Structures are given as C-alpha cells and as structure tokens.
Amino acid sequence: MRRSAGFTLIEVLVALLVFGLIASTAAQVGSQYIGSFEKIRDKTMAAWIADNRLNEIRLQEGLPEVSENSDDYDYGPFRWRVTTRVQETEDSTMRRVEVDVAVYRGAANETFNVHSLAGFTGE
C-alpha cells in the first residue's frame, strides 16, 4: 500500500490557527498606528492654532482687555473651537493669556479639548 503525500487535517488546522493569530496581531498594530497618527496630527494642528492666537494678541496695539471669548475656525480638514481668556496679573502692565483649542467631532457638534497654551503679554 502506498501512502499519499500531503498535509493532514491537524497540520492544516494548526497552520490556519497560526496564520489567524498573526493576521489579527497585524490588524491590531495597524489600528494602533492609525490612532496614534490621528492624535499626533490633531495635537500638532491645535498647537499651531494656539500659537497663532497668542501671537495675534501679542501683536495688538496696547494691552488687551480682561475678557473671555470663543471663536470657531476652519483649519485643515476640521473645525476648531478656540477659547481665549485674558486675565489680570499683579503687574498692571502685563496680562496672562490662556488659549484652549478643541476640535469638533461627530454629528452632535461636540468638542473635544486637544491643546491648551498659556503665555504673557505686556506693554
């Protein structure tokens, strides 16, 4: 009697199990990479927006008034909510400026805070 060549059913099942484990691990790593990329992209854009807003205030003539306001900006592929707070300091010729940047996500127009920046401006 001749024995036929080939894989047994158990060998094929073990090979499929190993392939399945490798494929699911690769998919999970790819998903984590995409999530990290999106987080870094959003953080970078929000930092640019906050820096720009702080520099706009620093370039204004005179000392900014103590206030708090929020504005919406389109920057890159997203819409951003920028909240600026100007606060008094012990030195009457200086102001503390805080800029919070949040991105709009989802259909409900919810914002998620991405970056905060604080700085000082003076006469």
Protein backbone atom coordinates (compact mmCIF):
# COMPACT_ATOMS: atom_id res chain seq x y z
CA MET A 1 0.00 0.00 0.00
CA ARG A 2 1.20 3.49 -0.90
CA ARG A 3 0.88 6.39 1.40
CA SER A 4 -0.37 9.60 -0.25
CA ALA A 5 1.67 12.76 0.17
CA GLY A 6 0.19 15.96 1.66
CA PHE A 7 -0.83 17.60 4.89
CA THR A 8 -3.05 16.03 7.48
CA LEU A 9 -6.16 17.82 8.69
CA ILE A 10 -4.50 18.63 12.02
CA GLU A 11 -1.49 20.20 10.28
CA VAL A 12 -3.77 22.38 8.15
CA LEU A 13 -5.78 23.48 11.22
CA VAL A 14 -2.59 24.39 13.12
CA ALA A 15 -1.32 26.38 10.12
CA LEU A 16 -4.64 28.25 9.89
CA LEU A 17 -4.54 28.99 13.63
CA VAL A 18 -1.01 30.42 13.37
CA PHE A 19 -1.96 32.49 10.31
CA GLY A 20 -5.09 33.79 12.09
CA LEU A 21 -3.09 34.86 15.15
CA ILE A 22 -0.52 36.66 13.01
CA ALA A 23 -3.22 38.41 10.94
CA SER A 24 -5.18 39.59 14.00
CA THR A 25 -2.00 40.90 15.65
CA ALA A 26 -1.03 42.78 12.48
CA ALA A 27 -4.52 44.32 12.24
CA GLN A 28 -4.35 45.45 15.86
CA VAL A 29 -0.91 47.04 15.39
CA GLY A 30 -2.13 48.82 12.25
CA SER A 31 -5.15 50.17 14.10
CA GLN A 32 -2.98 51.49 16.94
CA TYR A 33 -0.68 53.16 14.41
CA ILE A 34 -3.60 54.94 12.73
CA GLY A 35 -4.95 56.08 16.12
CA SER A 36 -1.55 57.44 17.13
CA PHE A 37 -1.15 59.24 13.80
CA GLU A 38 -4.56 60.94 14.17
CA LYS A 39 -3.81 62.00 17.74
CA ILE A 40 -0.43 63.49 16.81
CA ARG A 41 -1.94 65.25 13.75
CA ASP A 42 -4.71 66.81 15.86
CA LYS A 43 -2.29 67.84 18.61
CA THR A 44 0.08 69.46 16.09
CA MET A 45 -2.68 71.44 14.37
CA ALA A 46 -4.14 72.55 17.71
CA ALA A 47 -0.70 73.72 18.87
CA TRP A 48 -0.30 75.80 15.69
CA ILE A 49 -3.73 77.36 16.18
CA ALA A 50 -3.00 78.20 19.84
CA ASP A 51 0.40 79.71 18.93
CA ASN A 52 -1.19 81.79 16.19
CA ARG A 53 -3.91 83.09 18.53
CA LEU A 54 -1.41 84.01 21.26
CA ASN A 55 0.79 85.82 18.72
CA GLU A 56 -2.22 87.72 17.35
CA ILE A 57 -2.87 89.05 20.85
CA ARG A 58 0.79 89.93 21.36
CA LEU A 59 0.85 91.89 18.08
CA GLN A 60 -2.16 94.05 19.01
CA GLU A 61 -1.55 97.68 19.89
CA GLY A 62 -1.84 98.27 23.62
CA LEU A 63 -2.69 95.95 26.44
CA PRO A 64 -5.59 93.55 25.81
CA GLU A 65 -8.71 93.92 27.96
CA VAL A 66 -9.53 91.27 30.55
CA SER A 67 -12.03 89.03 28.79
CA GLU A 68 -13.03 85.54 27.68
CA ASN A 69 -14.28 84.67 24.21
CA SER A 70 -14.69 81.69 21.90
CA ASP A 71 -14.38 81.60 18.13
CA ASP A 72 -14.71 78.86 15.53
CA TYR A 73 -12.02 78.36 12.89
CA ASP A 74 -11.68 76.11 9.87
CA TYR A 75 -8.12 74.85 9.80
CA GLY A 76 -7.01 71.84 7.83
CA PRO A 77 -9.81 69.31 7.39
CA PHE A 78 -11.50 70.18 10.71
CA ARG A 79 -13.48 72.87 12.50
CA TRP A 80 -11.94 74.10 15.76
CA ARG A 81 -13.28 75.95 18.81
CA VAL A 82 -10.68 78.40 20.18
CA THR A 83 -11.36 79.83 23.65
CA THR A 84 -9.18 82.76 24.73
CA ARG A 85 -9.04 84.04 28.32
CA VAL A 86 -7.17 87.23 29.17
CA GLN A 87 -6.54 87.63 32.91
CA GLU A 88 -5.02 90.32 35.09
CA THR A 89 -1.67 89.84 36.77
CA GLU A 90 -0.06 91.52 39.76
CA ASP A 91 1.85 93.73 37.32
CA SER A 92 -0.63 96.18 35.79
CA THR A 93 1.39 96.32 32.54
CA MET A 94 1.06 92.57 31.86
CA ARG A 95 -1.74 90.13 31.11
CA ARG A 96 -1.89 86.34 31.29
CA VAL A 97 -3.42 84.77 28.19
CA GLU A 98 -4.79 81.21 28.12
CA VAL A 99 -5.81 79.61 24.83
CA ASP A 100 -7.77 76.33 24.74
CA VAL A 101 -8.25 74.58 21.40
CA ALA A 102 -10.92 71.94 20.89
CA VAL A 103 -11.91 70.05 17.75
CA TYR A 104 -15.47 69.38 16.63
CA ARG A 105 -16.22 65.67 16.21
CA GLY A 106 -19.39 63.84 15.36
CA ALA A 107 -22.78 64.96 14.17
CA ALA A 108 -23.79 66.42 17.55
CA ASN A 109 -21.25 69.26 17.28
CA GLU A 110 -19.42 68.06 20.37
CA THR A 111 -15.97 69.48 21.01
CA PHE A 112 -13.03 67.63 22.48
CA ASN A 113 -10.21 69.62 24.06
CA VAL A 114 -6.94 68.91 22.28
CA HIS A 115 -4.44 71.54 23.42
CA SER A 116 -4.02 74.36 25.96
CA LEU A 117 -1.45 77.13 25.91
CA ALA A 118 -0.70 79.89 28.40
CA GLY A 119 1.52 82.91 27.94
CA PHE A 120 2.03 86.54 28.90
CA THR A 121 1.82 89.78 27.02
CA GLY A 122 2.61 93.29 28.09
CA GLU A 123 3.20 96.86 27.06
